[in-house]
Amino acid sequence: MPPVAGSGPHRCGAAPPAAGPPGQEDQLGALGPVFNAIVLWNTRYIDLTVNLLRA
């Protein structure tokens, strides 16, 4: 009999993964502003490039 969909380890109601080492949440939280800065830079760079191509 084939396996039933959703019967794997990630089925609904499965326990969440164990927490990482102490302080890992702080490291991941610090990436938020970095990610925002990269997105802002890419947005401005693409906007400038599009405006130059339109001219």
N, C-alpha and C. Protein backbone atom coordinates (compact mmCIF):
# COMPACT_ATOMS: atom_id res chain seq x y z
N MET A 1 0.86 -1.18 0.00
CA MET A 1 0.00 0.00 0.00
C MET A 1 0.90 1.24 0.00
N PRO A 2 0.62 2.24 -0.87
CA PRO A 2 1.45 3.45 -0.92
C PRO A 2 1.26 4.29 0.34
N PRO A 3 2.28 5.09 0.70
CA PRO A 3 2.13 5.95 1.89
C PRO A 3 1.07 7.02 1.67
N VAL A 4 0.43 7.39 2.74
CA VAL A 4 -0.62 8.40 2.69
C VAL A 4 0.00 9.78 2.80
N ALA A 5 -0.46 10.71 1.98
CA ALA A 5 0.06 12.07 2.03
C ALA A 5 -0.17 12.66 3.42
N GLY A 6 0.82 13.34 3.92
CA GLY A 6 0.69 13.98 5.23
C GLY A 6 1.05 13.07 6.39
N SER A 7 1.52 11.85 6.09
CA SER A 7 1.83 10.94 7.18
C SER A 7 3.30 11.02 7.58
N GLY A 8 4.06 11.92 6.95
CA GLY A 8 5.49 12.05 7.24
C GLY A 8 5.73 12.79 8.54
N PRO A 9 6.98 13.09 8.83
CA PRO A 9 7.32 13.75 10.09
C PRO A 9 6.83 15.19 10.18
N HIS A 10 6.42 15.80 9.06
CA HIS A 10 5.99 17.19 9.08
C HIS A 10 4.48 17.32 8.99
N ARG A 11 3.80 16.31 9.41
CA ARG A 11 2.33 16.36 9.34
C ARG A 11 1.80 17.41 10.31
N CYS A 12 0.58 17.80 10.10
CA CYS A 12 -0.07 18.80 10.96
C CYS A 12 -0.09 18.29 12.39
N GLY A 13 0.29 19.10 13.33
CA GLY A 13 0.29 18.71 14.73
C GLY A 13 1.62 18.14 15.18
N ALA A 14 2.61 18.09 14.30
CA ALA A 14 3.92 17.59 14.69
C ALA A 14 4.58 18.58 15.64
N ALA A 15 5.45 18.08 16.49
CA ALA A 15 6.15 18.93 17.44
C ALA A 15 7.11 19.85 16.70
N PRO A 16 7.26 21.11 17.16
CA PRO A 16 8.20 22.03 16.50
C PRO A 16 9.63 21.55 16.73
N PRO A 17 10.56 21.96 15.87
CA PRO A 17 11.95 21.55 16.05
C PRO A 17 12.53 22.11 17.34
N ALA A 18 13.53 21.46 17.84
CA ALA A 18 14.18 21.91 19.08
C ALA A 18 14.83 23.27 18.87
N ALA A 19 14.93 24.04 19.94
CA ALA A 19 15.55 25.36 19.87
C ALA A 19 17.03 25.23 19.61
N GLY A 20 17.60 26.25 18.98
CA GLY A 20 19.03 26.26 18.68
C GLY A 20 19.83 26.66 19.92
N PRO A 21 21.11 26.89 19.72
CA PRO A 21 21.96 27.29 20.85
C PRO A 21 21.55 28.65 21.40
N PRO A 22 21.87 28.92 22.66
CA PRO A 22 21.52 30.22 23.24
C PRO A 22 22.14 31.36 22.45
N GLY A 23 21.37 32.43 22.25
CA GLY A 23 21.85 33.60 21.53
C GLY A 23 21.62 33.55 20.04
N GLN A 24 21.18 32.40 19.52
CA GLN A 24 20.97 32.30 18.07
C GLN A 24 19.83 33.21 17.63
N GLU A 25 18.83 33.39 18.48
CA GLU A 25 17.73 34.28 18.12
C GLU A 25 18.22 35.70 17.92
N ASP A 26 19.18 36.13 18.76
CA ASP A 26 19.73 37.48 18.63
C ASP A 26 20.50 37.62 17.32
N GLN A 27 21.25 36.59 16.93
CA GLN A 27 22.00 36.64 15.69
C GLN A 27 21.05 36.73 14.50
N LEU A 28 19.99 35.95 14.52
CA LEU A 28 19.04 35.98 13.42
C LEU A 28 18.27 37.30 13.41
N GLY A 29 17.98 37.85 14.57
CA GLY A 29 17.28 39.12 14.64
C GLY A 29 18.11 40.27 14.10
N ALA A 30 19.43 40.17 14.23
CA ALA A 30 20.31 41.22 13.72
C ALA A 30 20.35 41.23 12.20
N LEU A 31 19.93 40.15 11.57
CA LEU A 31 19.94 40.10 10.11
C LEU A 31 18.78 40.89 9.51
N GLY A 32 17.76 41.21 10.29
CA GLY A 32 16.61 41.96 9.78
C GLY A 32 17.00 43.30 9.17
N PRO A 33 17.71 44.16 9.90
CA PRO A 33 18.12 45.44 9.33
C PRO A 33 19.07 45.28 8.14
N VAL A 34 19.93 44.28 8.17
CA VAL A 34 20.84 44.04 7.04
C VAL A 34 20.04 43.67 5.80
N PHE A 35 19.07 42.78 5.97
CA PHE A 35 18.22 42.38 4.86
C PHE A 35 17.46 43.57 4.32
N ASN A 36 16.92 44.41 5.20
CA ASN A 36 16.18 45.60 4.76
C ASN A 36 17.08 46.55 3.98
N ALA A 37 18.33 46.71 4.41
CA ALA A 37 19.26 47.59 3.70
C ALA A 37 19.57 47.05 2.31
N ILE A 38 19.72 45.73 2.19
CA ILE A 38 20.00 45.12 0.88
C ILE A 38 18.81 45.30 -0.05
N VAL A 39 17.61 45.11 0.46
CA VAL A 39 16.41 45.28 -0.37
C VAL A 39 16.29 46.74 -0.81
N LEU A 40 16.54 47.69 0.10
CA LEU A 40 16.46 49.10 -0.26
C LEU A 40 17.50 49.44 -1.33
N TRP A 41 18.73 48.95 -1.16
CA TRP A 41 19.78 49.21 -2.15
C TRP A 41 19.38 48.67 -3.51
N ASN A 42 18.88 47.43 -3.54
CA ASN A 42 18.49 46.83 -4.82
C ASN A 42 17.34 47.59 -5.46
N THR A 43 16.40 48.06 -4.66
CA THR A 43 15.27 48.81 -5.20
C THR A 43 15.73 50.10 -5.84
N ARG A 44 16.61 50.83 -5.15
CA ARG A 44 17.10 52.10 -5.69
C ARG A 44 17.97 51.87 -6.93
N TYR A 45 18.80 50.82 -6.89
CA TYR A 45 19.67 50.53 -8.03
C TYR A 45 18.86 50.17 -9.26
N ILE A 46 17.85 49.33 -9.10
CA ILE A 46 17.01 48.95 -10.24
C ILE A 46 16.23 50.15 -10.75
N ASP A 47 15.72 50.99 -9.84
CA ASP A 47 14.99 52.18 -10.25
C ASP A 47 15.89 53.11 -11.08
N LEU A 48 17.11 53.31 -10.61
CA LEU A 48 18.05 54.15 -11.36
C LEU A 48 18.35 53.56 -12.73
N THR A 49 18.57 52.26 -12.78
CA THR A 49 18.87 51.59 -14.05
C THR A 49 17.69 51.71 -15.03
N VAL A 50 16.48 51.50 -14.54
CA VAL A 50 15.31 51.60 -15.41
C VAL A 50 15.16 53.02 -15.93
N ASN A 51 15.37 54.01 -15.08
CA ASN A 51 15.26 55.40 -15.52
C ASN A 51 16.33 55.75 -16.55
N LEU A 52 17.54 55.19 -16.40
CA LEU A 52 18.58 55.45 -17.39
C LEU A 52 18.24 54.78 -18.72
N LEU A 53 17.65 53.61 -18.69
CA LEU A 53 17.28 52.92 -19.93
C LEU A 53 16.12 53.61 -20.63
N ARG A 54 15.25 54.25 -19.88
CA ARG A 54 14.12 54.96 -20.49
C ARG A 54 14.58 56.25 -21.17
N ALA A 55 15.64 56.84 -20.67
CA ALA A 55 16.10 58.14 -21.21
C ALA A 55 16.69 58.01 -22.60
